[in-house]
Amino acid sequence: MTTAIVLFALGALALPFVAYPLLLWCRAVVAPQAVDGRAWTPSVDLIICAYNEEASIGARLENALALDYPRDRLRIRVASDGSDDATGRIVESFASRGVELLDLPRVGKAAALNAAVEAGEGEILAFSDANSEWQPQALSELLWALGDPGVGGAAGDQRYRNTGADSSGERSYWSLDRLVKKWQSQAGNVTSATGAIYAIRRSLFEPAPADATDDFMISTAVIARGYRLVFVDSARAWELPASGGREFRRKLRVITRGLRAVQRRRSLLNPLRYGSYAVQLFLHKLLRRLAWIPLTVLVVMAPLYLGKGPAEFVLGVVLLVFLFLGGVSLALPRLQRIAPLSIAAYVLMVNAACALATLRLLRGKRVDTWTTEREVQVRAGS
């Protein structure tokens, strides 16, 4: 019985993290779906939602204005979601350079994004975080992919700068995720876009709900309408990694909203209608976020392995050592400057956030607004 439970738990972990990427790679190599892109210059609304971003919004706008794209074809619009710091004043100082401010009361990011979209008329909608830095050619690269009439959305490549701090775990995860996204796109569709950098056709936009991840909801609307959502690794945006308790709260918020988003888009889980994408969505966005369940089973049972055969003994030792190193690294953040310890700490932190997010979802908790980019305010929903 113990062996069966262990094998089932290992299989539940191997399926989304090992088997799926290998099968995805095989499909991407054997039957790749090319993007028939072209260079074009449609009208674009670049939308940035900001709440108390006085520390970063000026640099973000300078970066947006430096994009290698015709200025008469680009409108930059900042939706200030009830900011009570200098964010609005800083944005207004760019008015003479064509930047528009949509000064809103505190309505939440989703409502602010929706209002910003309604205020424009660009053929293409591009979205960015307030603390992202795009490469000059990033927008043109996204638009090249959208030159394919069968492509409805283009997801860019979010990268984290190497600050020399405790960010190896985060950067390692995104490096692996980047490979998976490339294979997903070559096989058909990337699962979803990241809010740091993506673009869709305005005609495919659907307003984002308050309690779900806006980038997931907006980008997957493309797939729901029968268009492709592709990954453009040459369109890059850079951000600084976060760490510690602030990063745990951010992860908890993102995962809670992400699970709610999958619940809202559950129709995409129908393989009879959406084919392999439905399987991809289940494995990538649902099973991976529930990996804490088999992982917890393995850790709880680890002491039992020590008195078994050689294979079970090694597995038990590896799990206990991993748990110990990850726990110590979380308690002593300076140790996370060592890459293996940072990875162990990151895995524990993410799975703890997934577990808590799952429990909150089951209890009907919602995340509609949060006080800062790194701190979340959780509200009970109906």
Foldseek 3Di string as FASTA:
>chain_A
DLVVLLVVLVCLVCVLPPVVLVVLLVLLVPQFDDQQFDFDQFAEEEEEEDAQPPVQQLVQVVLVLLAPHDPVRYAYEYQYQQHPDCNVVSQVVCVVVRHHYRDHHNDFDLVSVVVSLVVDDTQKYKAAYSRKHWDNHQVRLFNRSVRRVQAFKEAEQEAEDPPLFLCLQVRVVSVVVVSSQQSQQRNFARLWHDRHIMMGGSVQADRDDQFADRRNLGGCSCVVVPGHYHYRHVTYMYGHDDDAPLQLQLLLSHLLRLVVSCVVVVVCLDCVPRNVSNVVCCSPRPSVLVSLVSLVVQQVCLVVQCPDDPVSNVSSVVSVVLQVLLVVCNVPVRVSSPNSSSSSVSVVSNNVSSVVSVVCVVVQKGWRHANHSRHTDIDHDD
